[in-house]
Amino acid sequence: MQDLRSLTQSELVEALASMGEKKFRAAQIYQWLHVHMADSFDEMTNLSAVLRQKLKDQCRLITLKPVKVLTSQIDGTKKFLFELPDGNIIESVWMQYHHGNSVCISSQVGCRMGCRFCASTLDGLVRGLEPSEMLQQIYQIEKYTGQRVDSVVVMGSGEPMDNYDNFVKFVRLITDEKGHNLSGRAITVSTCGLVPQMYKLAEEGLSITLALSLHASDDETRRQLMPIANKYSLQEVLAACDNYFEKTGRRISFEYSLVHGVNDTLEGAKALAALLGKRNCHVNLIPVNPIKERDFTRGAREETIAFKNVLEKNGINATIRREMGRDIDGACGQLRRSYLQSDT
C-alpha cells in the first residue's frame, strides 16, 4: 500500500489515475495532506465517501502518535516522543527563539555512526524514516502548539545523509509552494561527514544550509570522537564543504562539541582557526552534554568563552549554542533512550 504523504503531487496524480480517479483529486488530497495536515481520510470532507473508502482500502496515511511531551520549566522548550506505525519511538524538539519557532527532527530510528558523545547511537540503527515520518514530526508539533514552524534543523537522532533519498524527498515536499511551503533557506541539515552524499547534495538545486559535525581540528582527535573519521579525512570532508559552498552559495556551519580535556584547549582553538582559514563559515560551539554511558565532561563557561574569543580574533565567526531544554533530557537521543529503558 502506498504511503500517500511521501508522494509528490505528480506521483499522487499517477497513483490516483491507477485507481481510476481524475487528476484534480490529487491536488485536493495533496492540500489535505500538506496544508491542512490531515490525520485521517475522513477529514477530507470534499471527497466523496466512496473515494475516501477507496483510499482507506488501497493506501496508507502515515500519522505519528505523541506518547510523551515534556515542557522545560526553564525556557518553554518542548520535547516530543512520537510512536511510529511500526511501534518504534523517535524524538523531536520544539524551541522558541526571538526570531521564530524552530523544530529539530529525527531522520532515523537510532543511528549507526557511533559518535562517542551522542546518545542516539548507543543502540545502533533500527531504520531510516520515510519522508512522511519526517514531515509528520513538524505537522504534529504545529498542531499540538497551534503555532507555525519557522525553521527546521535535521539534527535529531540519525544521520540524514545515511537516509539520503528519503531526506531529499522530505525537503522537496516541505518546501513545495503547493504544500507546506517552508523556505529552503529555513532548513539546516547536519552530517557527520558522508563525503559522497555531500557532493551529491550540492547538485540537488536546494537552498538548504549544510552543517558539518567537525568536533576536532586534527584527524587523530576526530577519529577518537567519530568513527566516520576513519573513512574520510578532514581534508576530504572540508573539500566537500567547499564544493557545497561553491555550488550553492550557502555558508557552511561547523558544529563543534567541546569535550573537556579532549578538544577544548586554547591551542585547539588556534588549530581550528588555522584549519578553517579564510572560509565563509560559522562555527557553532556546543558544550558537550554528559551522558552516563560515556565519561565526557564539559569545561567551565569561562573556558568556552575563551575558546570562542580565539576563533573570533582569528576572523572566524563563532557562537556558543544556547542550551535549550536542559531540564528535560534535551540532547539528541537522551529522552528516547530513557523512555525505552523504563519500558523494559
C-alpha atoms as a PDB file:
ATOM      1  CA  MET A   1       0.000   0.000   0.000  1.00  0.00           C
ATOM      2  CA  GLN A   2       1.330   3.401  -0.995  1.00  0.00           C
ATOM      3  CA  ASP A   3       2.331   5.912   1.659  1.00  0.00           C
ATOM      4  CA  LEU A   4       0.408   8.907   0.279  1.00  0.00           C
ATOM      5  CA  ARG A   5       2.137  11.581   2.397  1.00  0.00           C
ATOM      6  CA  SER A   6       5.504  10.595   0.947  1.00  0.00           C
ATOM      7  CA  LEU A   7       4.332  11.202  -2.646  1.00  0.00           C
ATOM      8  CA  THR A   8       4.947  14.363  -4.661  1.00  0.00           C
ATOM      9  CA  GLN A   9       1.873  15.860  -6.298  1.00  0.00           C
ATOM     10  CA  SER A  10       2.834  14.390  -9.683  1.00  0.00           C
ATOM     11  CA  GLU A  11       3.290  10.956  -8.076  1.00  0.00           C
ATOM     12  CA  LEU A  12      -0.088  11.400  -6.389  1.00  0.00           C
ATOM     13  CA  VAL A  13      -1.675  12.111  -9.798  1.00  0.00           C
ATOM     14  CA  GLU A  14      -0.265   8.795 -11.088  1.00  0.00           C
ATOM     15  CA  ALA A  15      -1.406   6.891  -8.005  1.00  0.00           C
ATOM     16  CA  LEU A  16      -4.970   8.199  -8.328  1.00  0.00           C
ATOM     17  CA  ALA A  17      -5.020   7.580 -12.077  1.00  0.00           C
ATOM     18  CA  SER A  18      -4.195   3.927 -11.376  1.00  0.00           C
ATOM     19  CA  MET A  19      -7.277   3.927  -9.121  1.00  0.00           C
ATOM     20  CA  GLY A  20      -9.428   5.402 -11.902  1.00  0.00           C
ATOM     21  CA  GLU A  21      -9.631   8.871 -10.340  1.00  0.00           C
ATOM     22  CA  LYS A  22      -9.373  12.244 -12.074  1.00  0.00           C
ATOM     23  CA  LYS A  23      -6.258  14.462 -11.892  1.00  0.00           C
ATOM     24  CA  PHE A  24      -7.870  17.280  -9.877  1.00  0.00           C
ATOM     25  CA  ARG A  25      -8.428  14.898  -6.962  1.00  0.00           C
ATOM     26  CA  ALA A  26      -4.651  14.738  -6.466  1.00  0.00           C
ATOM     27  CA  ALA A  27      -4.471  18.497  -5.815  1.00  0.00           C
ATOM     28  CA  GLN A  28      -7.314  18.237  -3.290  1.00  0.00           C
ATOM     29  CA  ILE A  29      -5.718  15.347  -1.436  1.00  0.00           C
ATOM     30  CA  TYR A  30      -2.265  16.968  -1.545  1.00  0.00           C
ATOM     31  CA  GLN A  31      -3.717  20.035   0.180  1.00  0.00           C
ATOM     32  CA  TRP A  32      -5.330  17.899   2.842  1.00  0.00           C
ATOM     33  CA  LEU A  33      -2.027  16.121   3.451  1.00  0.00           C
ATOM     34  CA  HIS A  34       0.360  19.086   3.500  1.00  0.00           C
ATOM     35  CA  VAL A  35      -1.656  22.270   4.103  1.00  0.00           C
ATOM     36  CA  HIS A  36      -4.417  21.029   6.418  1.00  0.00           C
ATOM     37  CA  MET A  37      -2.127  18.270   7.797  1.00  0.00           C
ATOM     38  CA  ALA A  38      -4.986  15.750   7.895  1.00  0.00           C
ATOM     39  CA  ASP A  39      -4.532  12.742  10.164  1.00  0.00           C
ATOM     40  CA  SER A  40      -7.262  10.628   8.559  1.00  0.00           C
ATOM     41  CA  PHE A  41      -9.062  10.228   5.244  1.00  0.00           C
ATOM     42  CA  ASP A  42     -12.352  11.036   6.988  1.00  0.00           C
ATOM     43  CA  GLU A  43     -11.146  14.639   7.461  1.00  0.00           C
ATOM     44  CA  MET A  44     -11.075  15.084   3.661  1.00  0.00           C
ATOM     45  CA  THR A  45     -14.655  16.314   3.504  1.00  0.00           C
ATOM     46  CA  ASN A  46     -14.642  17.488  -0.127  1.00  0.00           C
ATOM     47  CA  LEU A  47     -14.022  13.893  -1.264  1.00  0.00           C
ATOM     48  CA  SER A  48     -16.905  11.507  -1.711  1.00  0.00           C
ATOM     49  CA  ALA A  49     -17.463   8.782   0.859  1.00  0.00           C
ATOM     50  CA  VAL A  50     -16.769   6.242  -1.897  1.00  0.00           C
ATOM     51  CA  LEU A  51     -13.349   7.777  -2.679  1.00  0.00           C
ATOM     52  CA  ARG A  52     -12.447   8.072   0.988  1.00  0.00           C
ATOM     53  CA  GLN A  53     -13.204   4.374   1.447  1.00  0.00           C
ATOM     54  CA  LYS A  54     -11.160   3.524  -1.642  1.00  0.00           C
ATOM     55  CA  LEU A  55      -8.214   5.448  -0.193  1.00  0.00           C
ATOM     56  CA  LYS A  56      -8.564   3.619   3.132  1.00  0.00           C
ATOM     57  CA  ASP A  57      -8.589   0.271   1.335  1.00  0.00           C
ATOM     58  CA  GLN A  58      -5.703   0.908  -1.053  1.00  0.00           C
ATOM     59  CA  CYS A  59      -3.390   3.479   0.582  1.00  0.00           C
ATOM     60  CA  ARG A  60      -1.590   4.257   3.819  1.00  0.00           C
ATOM     61  CA  LEU A  61      -1.818   7.576   5.642  1.00  0.00           C
ATOM     62  CA  ILE A  62       1.165   7.730   7.981  1.00  0.00           C
ATOM     63  CA  THR A  63       0.499   9.610  11.208  1.00  0.00           C
ATOM     64  CA  LEU A  64       2.652   9.797  14.330  1.00  0.00           C
ATOM     65  CA  LYS A  65       1.263   9.417  17.808  1.00  0.00           C
ATOM     66  CA  PRO A  66       2.710  11.632  20.575  1.00  0.00           C
ATOM     67  CA  VAL A  67       3.395   9.297  23.514  1.00  0.00           C
ATOM     68  CA  LYS A  68       5.154  11.817  25.743  1.00  0.00           C
ATOM     69  CA  VAL A  69       5.593  15.599  25.702  1.00  0.00           C
ATOM     70  CA  LEU A  70       7.889  17.309  28.190  1.00  0.00           C
ATOM     71  CA  THR A  71       7.972  21.087  28.630  1.00  0.00           C
ATOM     72  CA  SER A  72      11.045  22.809  30.024  1.00  0.00           C
ATOM     73  CA  GLN A  73      10.393  24.969  33.070  1.00  0.00           C
ATOM     74  CA  ILE A  74      13.493  26.976  32.110  1.00  0.00           C
ATOM     75  CA  ASP A  75      12.739  28.148  28.576  1.00  0.00           C
ATOM     76  CA  GLY A  76       9.487  26.523  27.378  1.00  0.00           C
ATOM     77  CA  THR A  77      11.233  24.105  25.028  1.00  0.00           C
ATOM     78  CA  LYS A  78       9.077  21.048  24.308  1.00  0.00           C
ATOM     79  CA  LYS A  79      10.477  17.590  23.725  1.00  0.00           C
ATOM     80  CA  PHE A  80       8.227  15.131  21.914  1.00  0.00           C
ATOM     81  CA  LEU A  81       8.407  11.363  21.830  1.00  0.00           C
ATOM     82  CA  PHE A  82       6.478  10.009  18.851  1.00  0.00           C
ATOM     83  CA  GLU A  83       5.415   6.433  18.186  1.00  0.00           C
ATOM     84  CA  LEU A  84       5.717   5.327  14.572  1.00  0.00           C
ATOM     85  CA  PRO A  85       3.167   2.998  12.942  1.00  0.00           C
ATOM     86  CA  ASP A  86       5.520   0.034  13.495  1.00  0.00           C
ATOM     87  CA  GLY A  87       5.868   0.798  17.210  1.00  0.00           C
ATOM     88  CA  ASN A  88       9.328   2.376  17.047  1.00  0.00           C
ATOM     89  CA  ILE A  89       9.942   5.555  19.047  1.00  0.00           C
ATOM     90  CA  ILE A  90      11.603   8.770  17.825  1.00  0.00           C
ATOM     91  CA  GLU A  91      12.055  12.206  19.339  1.00  0.00           C
ATOM     92  CA  SER A  92      11.740  15.816  18.195  1.00  0.00           C
ATOM     93  CA  VAL A  93      12.274  19.176  19.874  1.00  0.00           C
ATOM     94  CA  TRP A  94      10.306  22.446  19.563  1.00  0.00           C
ATOM     95  CA  MET A  95      12.205  25.597  20.520  1.00  0.00           C
ATOM     96  CA  GLN A  96      11.113  29.215  20.707  1.00  0.00           C
ATOM     97  CA  TYR A  97      13.570  31.934  19.764  1.00  0.00           C
ATOM     98  CA  HIS A  98      13.115  35.675  19.307  1.00  0.00           C
ATOM     99  CA  HIS A  99      13.308  35.110  15.532  1.00  0.00           C
ATOM    100  CA  GLY A 100      10.631  32.401  15.489  1.00  0.00           C
ATOM    101  CA  ASN A 101       9.850  28.763  16.234  1.00  0.00           C
ATOM    102  CA  SER A 102      12.344  26.061  15.339  1.00  0.00           C
ATOM    103  CA  VAL A 103      11.895  22.291  15.296  1.00  0.00           C
ATOM    104  CA  CYS A 104      14.698  19.740  15.466  1.00  0.00           C
ATOM    105  CA  ILE A 105      13.609  16.485  13.828  1.00  0.00           C
ATOM    106  CA  SER A 106      14.987  12.959  13.612  1.00  0.00           C
ATOM    107  CA  SER A 107      15.845  11.316  10.293  1.00  0.00           C
ATOM    108  CA  GLN A 108      16.332   7.737  11.529  1.00  0.00           C
ATOM    109  CA  VAL A 109      15.322   5.442  14.353  1.00  0.00           C
ATOM    110  CA  GLY A 110      18.670   5.256  16.149  1.00  0.00           C
ATOM    111  CA  CYS A 111      21.968   5.780  14.316  1.00  0.00           C
ATOM    112  CA  ARG A 112      24.941   3.698  13.231  1.00  0.00           C
ATOM    113  CA  MET A 113      27.570   6.448  13.053  1.00  0.00           C
ATOM    114  CA  GLY A 114      28.880   5.779  16.577  1.00  0.00           C
ATOM    115  CA  CYS A 115      29.868   9.337  17.557  1.00  0.00           C
ATOM    116  CA  ARG A 116      31.111   8.928  21.116  1.00  0.00           C
ATOM    117  CA  PHE A 117      29.407  11.989  22.634  1.00  0.00           C
ATOM    118  CA  CYS A 118      25.908  11.207  21.306  1.00  0.00           C
ATOM    119  CA  ALA A 119      23.199   9.098  22.967  1.00  0.00           C
ATOM    120  CA  SER A 120      21.375   8.496  19.661  1.00  0.00           C
ATOM    121  CA  THR A 121      23.897   5.941  18.513  1.00  0.00           C
ATOM    122  CA  LEU A 122      24.218   3.800  21.653  1.00  0.00           C
ATOM    123  CA  ASP A 123      21.724   1.157  20.496  1.00  0.00           C
ATOM    124  CA  GLY A 124      22.674   1.321  16.815  1.00  0.00           C
ATOM    125  CA  LEU A 125      20.452   1.888  13.777  1.00  0.00           C
ATOM    126  CA  VAL A 126      16.956   0.408  13.534  1.00  0.00           C
ATOM    127  CA  ARG A 127      15.869   2.001  10.226  1.00  0.00           C
ATOM    128  CA  GLY A 128      15.625   5.209   8.250  1.00  0.00           C
ATOM    129  CA  LEU A 129      12.481   7.322   8.420  1.00  0.00           C
ATOM    130  CA  GLU A 130      10.143   7.752   5.456  1.00  0.00           C
ATOM    131  CA  PRO A 131       9.593  11.312   4.117  1.00  0.00           C
ATOM    132  CA  SER A 132       6.102  11.206   5.653  1.00  0.00           C
ATOM    133  CA  GLU A 133       7.548  10.376   9.085  1.00  0.00           C
ATOM    134  CA  MET A 134       9.908  13.354   8.903  1.00  0.00           C
ATOM    135  CA  LEU A 135       7.070  15.627   7.788  1.00  0.00           C
ATOM    136  CA  GLN A 136       4.753  14.322  10.483  1.00  0.00           C
ATOM    137  CA  GLN A 137       7.110  15.422  13.257  1.00  0.00           C
ATOM    138  CA  ILE A 138       6.648  19.007  12.066  1.00  0.00           C
ATOM    139  CA  TYR A 139       2.928  18.721  11.351  1.00  0.00           C
ATOM    140  CA  GLN A 140       2.100  17.122  14.699  1.00  0.00           C
ATOM    141  CA  ILE A 141       4.139  19.728  16.590  1.00  0.00           C
ATOM    142  CA  GLU A 142       2.373  22.556  14.750  1.00  0.00           C
ATOM    143  CA  LYS A 143      -0.993  21.053  15.611  1.00  0.00           C
ATOM    144  CA  TYR A 144      -0.010  20.500  19.252  1.00  0.00           C
ATOM    145  CA  THR A 145       1.392  24.012  19.787  1.00  0.00           C
ATOM    146  CA  GLY A 146      -1.021  25.838  17.475  1.00  0.00           C
ATOM    147  CA  GLN A 147       1.957  27.710  16.030  1.00  0.00           C
ATOM    148  CA  ARG A 148       3.705  27.703  12.676  1.00  0.00           C
ATOM    149  CA  VAL A 149       7.235  26.320  12.475  1.00  0.00           C
ATOM    150  CA  ASP A 150       9.591  28.920  11.001  1.00  0.00           C
ATOM    151  CA  SER A 151      12.728  26.802  10.674  1.00  0.00           C
ATOM    152  CA  VAL A 152      13.730  23.146  10.753  1.00  0.00           C
ATOM    153  CA  VAL A 153      17.015  21.565  11.738  1.00  0.00           C
ATOM    154  CA  VAL A 154      17.556  17.934  10.818  1.00  0.00           C
ATOM    155  CA  MET A 155      19.870  17.292  13.742  1.00  0.00           C
ATOM    156  CA  GLY A 156      17.874  14.872  15.877  1.00  0.00           C
ATOM    157  CA  SER A 157      18.539  11.141  16.030  1.00  0.00           C
ATOM    158  CA  GLY A 158      20.118   9.659  12.927  1.00  0.00           C
ATOM    159  CA  GLU A 159      22.443  10.680  10.113  1.00  0.00           C
ATOM    160  CA  PRO A 160      20.361  12.302   7.330  1.00  0.00           C
ATOM    161  CA  MET A 161      22.958  11.522   4.651  1.00  0.00           C
ATOM    162  CA  ASP A 162      22.637   7.834   5.619  1.00  0.00           C
ATOM    163  CA  ASN A 163      18.942   8.107   4.645  1.00  0.00           C
ATOM    164  CA  TYR A 164      19.696  10.268   1.632  1.00  0.00           C
ATOM    165  CA  ASP A 165      16.821   9.693  -0.798  1.00  0.00           C
ATOM    166  CA  ASN A 166      14.129   9.956   1.866  1.00  0.00           C
ATOM    167  CA  PHE A 167      15.734  13.073   3.319  1.00  0.00           C
ATOM    168  CA  VAL A 168      15.924  14.868  -0.045  1.00  0.00           C
ATOM    169  CA  LYS A 169      12.321  13.951  -0.820  1.00  0.00           C
ATOM    170  CA  PHE A 170      11.289  15.320   2.587  1.00  0.00           C
ATOM    171  CA  VAL A 171      12.965  18.641   1.731  1.00  0.00           C
ATOM    172  CA  ARG A 172      11.210  18.827  -1.648  1.00  0.00           C
ATOM    173  CA  LEU A 173       7.843  18.120  -0.006  1.00  0.00           C
ATOM    174  CA  ILE A 174       8.160  20.552   2.926  1.00  0.00           C
ATOM    175  CA  THR A 175       9.340  23.370   0.613  1.00  0.00           C
ATOM    176  CA  ASP A 176       6.722  22.789  -2.113  1.00  0.00           C
ATOM    177  CA  GLU A 177       4.772  26.030  -2.579  1.00  0.00           C
ATOM    178  CA  LYS A 178       1.618  23.983  -3.162  1.00  0.00           C
ATOM    179  CA  GLY A 179       2.168  22.216   0.156  1.00  0.00           C
ATOM    180  CA  HIS A 180       3.592  23.406   3.454  1.00  0.00           C
ATOM    181  CA  ASN A 181       5.739  25.987   1.648  1.00  0.00           C
ATOM    182  CA  LEU A 182       8.621  26.295   4.116  1.00  0.00           C
ATOM    183  CA  SER A 183      11.577  28.202   2.692  1.00  0.00           C
ATOM    184  CA  GLY A 184      14.562  26.025   1.838  1.00  0.00           C
ATOM    185  CA  ARG A 185      16.743  28.670   3.478  1.00  0.00           C
ATOM    186  CA  ALA A 186      14.980  27.873   6.751  1.00  0.00           C
ATOM    187  CA  ILE A 187      16.242  24.265   6.704  1.00  0.00           C
ATOM    188  CA  THR A 188      19.595  23.113   8.081  1.00  0.00           C
ATOM    189  CA  VAL A 189      20.868  19.570   7.741  1.00  0.00           C
ATOM    190  CA  SER A 190      23.677  18.201   9.874  1.00  0.00           C
ATOM    191  CA  THR A 191      26.049  15.455   8.746  1.00  0.00           C
ATOM    192  CA  CYS A 192      28.997  13.761  10.400  1.00  0.00           C
ATOM    193  CA  GLY A 193      30.696  13.843   7.002  1.00  0.00           C
ATOM    194  CA  LEU A 194      29.497  11.256   4.466  1.00  0.00           C
ATOM    195  CA  VAL A 195      31.530  12.732   1.644  1.00  0.00           C
ATOM    196  CA  PRO A 196      29.895  11.179  -1.473  1.00  0.00           C
ATOM    197  CA  GLN A 197      26.432  12.236  -0.292  1.00  0.00           C
ATOM    198  CA  MET A 198      27.691  15.766   0.470  1.00  0.00           C
ATOM    199  CA  TYR A 199      28.828  16.114  -3.144  1.00  0.00           C
ATOM    200  CA  LYS A 200      25.520  14.679  -4.347  1.00  0.00           C
ATOM    201  CA  LEU A 201      23.534  17.132  -2.188  1.00  0.00           C
ATOM    202  CA  ALA A 202      25.378  20.057  -3.780  1.00  0.00           C
ATOM    203  CA  GLU A 203      23.875  19.031  -7.154  1.00  0.00           C
ATOM    204  CA  GLU A 204      20.236  18.846  -5.958  1.00  0.00           C
ATOM    205  CA  GLY A 205      19.469  22.539  -6.530  1.00  0.00           C
ATOM    206  CA  LEU A 206      18.325  23.026  -2.932  1.00  0.00           C
ATOM    207  CA  SER A 207      18.900  26.195  -0.891  1.00  0.00           C
ATOM    208  CA  ILE A 208      19.318  24.473   2.478  1.00  0.00           C
ATOM    209  CA  THR A 209      22.205  25.069   4.887  1.00  0.00           C
ATOM    210  CA  LEU A 210      24.758  22.302   5.366  1.00  0.00           C
ATOM    211  CA  ALA A 211      26.216  21.836   8.850  1.00  0.00           C
ATOM    212  CA  LEU A 212      29.224  19.575   9.303  1.00  0.00           C
ATOM    213  CA  SER A 213      29.820  17.875  12.646  1.00  0.00           C
ATOM    214  CA  LEU A 214      33.515  18.754  12.863  1.00  0.00           C
ATOM    215  CA  HIS A 215      34.415  18.398  16.569  1.00  0.00           C
ATOM    216  CA  ALA A 216      38.207  18.384  16.104  1.00  0.00           C
ATOM    217  CA  SER A 217      40.955  20.281  14.322  1.00  0.00           C
ATOM    218  CA  ASP A 218      43.091  17.218  13.552  1.00  0.00           C
ATOM    219  CA  ASP A 219      42.368  13.758  12.199  1.00  0.00           C
ATOM    220  CA  GLU A 220      43.678  11.843  15.216  1.00  0.00           C
ATOM    221  CA  THR A 221      41.366  13.606  17.702  1.00  0.00           C
ATOM    222  CA  ARG A 222      38.444  13.394  15.295  1.00  0.00           C
ATOM    223  CA  ARG A 223      38.931   9.630  14.970  1.00  0.00           C
ATOM    224  CA  GLN A 224      38.714   9.314  18.772  1.00  0.00           C
ATOM    225  CA  LEU A 225      35.336  11.052  18.757  1.00  0.00           C
ATOM    226  CA  MET A 226      33.821   9.984  15.423  1.00  0.00           C
ATOM    227  CA  PRO A 227      34.334   6.574  13.764  1.00  0.00           C
ATOM    228  CA  ILE A 228      33.442   8.075  10.348  1.00  0.00           C
ATOM    229  CA  ALA A 229      36.768   9.945  10.526  1.00  0.00           C
ATOM    230  CA  ASN A 230      38.494   6.605   9.922  1.00  0.00           C
ATOM    231  CA  LYS A 231      36.936   6.605   6.454  1.00  0.00           C
ATOM    232  CA  TYR A 232      37.062  10.272   5.469  1.00  0.00           C
ATOM    233  CA  SER A 233      39.860  12.646   6.474  1.00  0.00           C
ATOM    234  CA  LEU A 234      39.398  16.276   7.453  1.00  0.00           C
ATOM    235  CA  GLN A 235      40.881  17.264   4.107  1.00  0.00           C
ATOM    236  CA  GLU A 236      38.221  15.226   2.291  1.00  0.00           C
ATOM    237  CA  VAL A 237      35.240  16.496   4.326  1.00  0.00           C
ATOM    238  CA  LEU A 238      36.374  20.124   4.090  1.00  0.00           C
ATOM    239  CA  ALA A 239      36.813  19.768   0.314  1.00  0.00           C
ATOM    240  CA  ALA A 240      33.201  18.518   0.153  1.00  0.00           C
ATOM    241  CA  CYS A 241      32.102  21.541   2.241  1.00  0.00           C
ATOM    242  CA  ASP A 242      33.985  23.917  -0.075  1.00  0.00           C
ATOM    243  CA  ASN A 243      32.269  22.320  -3.064  1.00  0.00           C
ATOM    244  CA  TYR A 244      28.853  22.739  -1.419  1.00  0.00           C
ATOM    245  CA  PHE A 245      29.519  26.437  -0.822  1.00  0.00           C
ATOM    246  CA  GLU A 246      30.802  26.886  -4.375  1.00  0.00           C
ATOM    247  CA  LYS A 247      27.747  25.167  -5.921  1.00  0.00           C
ATOM    248  CA  THR A 248      25.029  26.656  -3.684  1.00  0.00           C
ATOM    249  CA  GLY A 249      26.433  29.905  -2.284  1.00  0.00           C
ATOM    250  CA  ARG A 250      25.220  28.777   1.161  1.00  0.00           C
ATOM    251  CA  ARG A 251      27.598  29.463   4.053  1.00  0.00           C
ATOM    252  CA  ILE A 252      28.722  26.275   5.808  1.00  0.00           C
ATOM    253  CA  SER A 253      28.147  25.781   9.522  1.00  0.00           C
ATOM    254  CA  PHE A 254      30.591  23.727  11.568  1.00  0.00           C
ATOM    255  CA  GLU A 255      29.297  22.028  14.697  1.00  0.00           C
ATOM    256  CA  TYR A 256      31.942  21.672  17.380  1.00  0.00           C
ATOM    257  CA  SER A 257      31.141  19.820  20.625  1.00  0.00           C
ATOM    258  CA  LEU A 258      33.572  20.949  23.311  1.00  0.00           C
ATOM    259  CA  VAL A 259      34.772  17.950  25.330  1.00  0.00           C
ATOM    260  CA  HIS A 260      36.829  18.911  28.368  1.00  0.00           C
ATOM    261  CA  GLY A 261      40.464  17.863  28.049  1.00  0.00           C
ATOM    262  CA  VAL A 262      39.946  16.421  24.569  1.00  0.00           C
ATOM    263  CA  ASN A 263      39.299  19.214  22.065  1.00  0.00           C
ATOM    264  CA  ASP A 264      38.659  22.384  24.088  1.00  0.00           C
ATOM    265  CA  THR A 265      42.131  23.803  24.725  1.00  0.00           C
ATOM    266  CA  LEU A 266      43.208  27.245  23.502  1.00  0.00           C
ATOM    267  CA  GLU A 267      45.812  25.506  21.331  1.00  0.00           C
ATOM    268  CA  GLY A 268      42.939  23.534  19.826  1.00  0.00           C
ATOM    269  CA  ALA A 269      41.074  26.770  19.129  1.00  0.00           C
ATOM    270  CA  LYS A 270      44.109  28.196  17.314  1.00  0.00           C
ATOM    271  CA  ALA A 271      44.454  24.992  15.305  1.00  0.00           C
ATOM    272  CA  LEU A 272      40.763  25.115  14.416  1.00  0.00           C
ATOM    273  CA  ALA A 273      41.079  28.719  13.227  1.00  0.00           C
ATOM    274  CA  ALA A 274      44.078  27.751  11.093  1.00  0.00           C
ATOM    275  CA  LEU A 275      42.223  24.738   9.671  1.00  0.00           C
ATOM    276  CA  LEU A 276      39.177  26.783   8.628  1.00  0.00           C
ATOM    277  CA  GLY A 277      41.310  29.654   7.351  1.00  0.00           C
ATOM    278  CA  LYS A 278      39.504  32.245   5.247  1.00  0.00           C
ATOM    279  CA  ARG A 279      36.397  30.164   4.609  1.00  0.00           C
ATOM    280  CA  ASN A 280      32.994  31.882   4.662  1.00  0.00           C
ATOM    281  CA  CYS A 281      31.674  29.823   7.549  1.00  0.00           C
ATOM    282  CA  HIS A 282      30.178  29.811  11.013  1.00  0.00           C
ATOM    283  CA  VAL A 283      31.307  27.720  13.986  1.00  0.00           C
ATOM    284  CA  ASN A 284      28.627  26.610  16.445  1.00  0.00           C
ATOM    285  CA  LEU A 285      30.300  25.725  19.746  1.00  0.00           C
ATOM    286  CA  ILE A 286      28.373  23.166  21.790  1.00  0.00           C
ATOM    287  CA  PRO A 287      29.415  22.358  25.372  1.00  0.00           C
ATOM    288  CA  VAL A 288      29.083  18.569  25.382  1.00  0.00           C
ATOM    289  CA  ASN A 289      26.003  17.062  27.020  1.00  0.00           C
ATOM    290  CA  PRO A 290      27.294  14.479  29.504  1.00  0.00           C
ATOM    291  CA  ILE A 291      25.655  11.071  29.082  1.00  0.00           C
ATOM    292  CA  LYS A 292      26.005   8.352  31.692  1.00  0.00           C
ATOM    293  CA  GLU A 293      27.334   5.792  29.187  1.00  0.00           C
ATOM    294  CA  ARG A 294      30.392   7.991  28.444  1.00  0.00           C
ATOM    295  CA  ASP A 295      32.916   9.740  30.672  1.00  0.00           C
ATOM    296  CA  PHE A 296      32.996  13.003  28.714  1.00  0.00           C
ATOM    297  CA  THR A 297      32.556  16.226  30.666  1.00  0.00           C
ATOM    298  CA  ARG A 298      32.297  19.907  29.783  1.00  0.00           C
ATOM    299  CA  GLY A 299      34.694  22.650  30.792  1.00  0.00           C
ATOM    300  CA  ALA A 300      33.840  25.813  32.684  1.00  0.00           C
ATOM    301  CA  ARG A 301      31.807  28.514  30.952  1.00  0.00           C
ATOM    302  CA  GLU A 302      34.865  30.792  31.022  1.00  0.00           C
ATOM    303  CA  GLU A 303      36.874  28.219  29.054  1.00  0.00           C
ATOM    304  CA  THR A 304      34.179  28.013  26.384  1.00  0.00           C
ATOM    305  CA  ILE A 305      34.145  31.802  26.055  1.00  0.00           C
ATOM    306  CA  ALA A 306      37.950  31.860  25.806  1.00  0.00           C
ATOM    307  CA  PHE A 307      37.811  29.242  23.015  1.00  0.00           C
ATOM    308  CA  LYS A 308      35.255  31.370  21.153  1.00  0.00           C
ATOM    309  CA  ASN A 309      37.369  34.507  21.587  1.00  0.00           C
ATOM    310  CA  VAL A 310      40.395  32.838  19.997  1.00  0.00           C
ATOM    311  CA  LEU A 311      38.312  31.929  16.940  1.00  0.00           C
ATOM    312  CA  GLU A 312      36.900  35.437  16.610  1.00  0.00           C
ATOM    313  CA  LYS A 313      40.338  37.052  16.963  1.00  0.00           C
ATOM    314  CA  ASN A 314      41.388  34.916  14.012  1.00  0.00           C
ATOM    315  CA  GLY A 315      38.457  36.046  11.867  1.00  0.00           C
ATOM    316  CA  ILE A 316      36.184  33.028  12.409  1.00  0.00           C
ATOM    317  CA  ASN A 317      32.507  33.757  13.058  1.00  0.00           C
ATOM    318  CA  ALA A 318      31.545  31.741  16.151  1.00  0.00           C
ATOM    319  CA  THR A 319      28.674  31.426  18.597  1.00  0.00           C
ATOM    320  CA  ILE A 320      28.038  29.309  21.675  1.00  0.00           C
ATOM    321  CA  ARG A 321      24.865  27.295  21.230  1.00  0.00           C
ATOM    322  CA  ARG A 322      22.169  28.401  23.605  1.00  0.00           C
ATOM    323  CA  GLU A 323      21.160  25.408  25.691  1.00  0.00           C
ATOM    324  CA  MET A 324      17.506  24.581  25.326  1.00  0.00           C
ATOM    325  CA  GLY A 325      15.517  22.097  27.393  1.00  0.00           C
ATOM    326  CA  ARG A 326      18.387  21.236  29.718  1.00  0.00           C
ATOM    327  CA  ASP A 327      15.920  20.018  32.378  1.00  0.00           C
ATOM    328  CA  ILE A 328      14.049  17.644  30.020  1.00  0.00           C
ATOM    329  CA  ASP A 329      16.802  15.471  28.520  1.00  0.00           C
ATOM    330  CA  GLY A 330      17.217  17.992  25.716  1.00  0.00           C
ATOM    331  CA  ALA A 331      20.195  16.393  23.957  1.00  0.00           C
ATOM    332  CA  CYS A 332      19.841  14.032  20.986  1.00  0.00           C
ATOM    333  CA  GLY A 333      18.697  10.569  21.936  1.00  0.00           C
ATOM    334  CA  GLN A 334      18.576  11.070  25.696  1.00  0.00           C
ATOM    335  CA  LEU A 335      14.805  11.099  26.210  1.00  0.00           C
ATOM    336  CA  ARG A 336      14.143   8.240  23.772  1.00  0.00           C
ATOM    337  CA  ARG A 337      16.766   6.092  25.451  1.00  0.00           C
ATOM    338  CA  SER A 338      15.494   6.754  28.980  1.00  0.00           C
ATOM    339  CA  TYR A 339      11.917   6.074  27.813  1.00  0.00           C
ATOM    340  CA  LEU A 340      12.863   2.749  26.203  1.00  0.00           C
ATOM    341  CA  GLN A 341      14.846   1.670  29.251  1.00  0.00           C
ATOM    342  CA  SER A 342      11.977   2.484  31.605  1.00  0.00           C
ATOM    343  CA  ASP A 343       9.640   0.457  29.383  1.00  0.00           C
ATOM    344  CA  THR A 344      11.698  -2.723  29.611  1.00  0.00           C
END
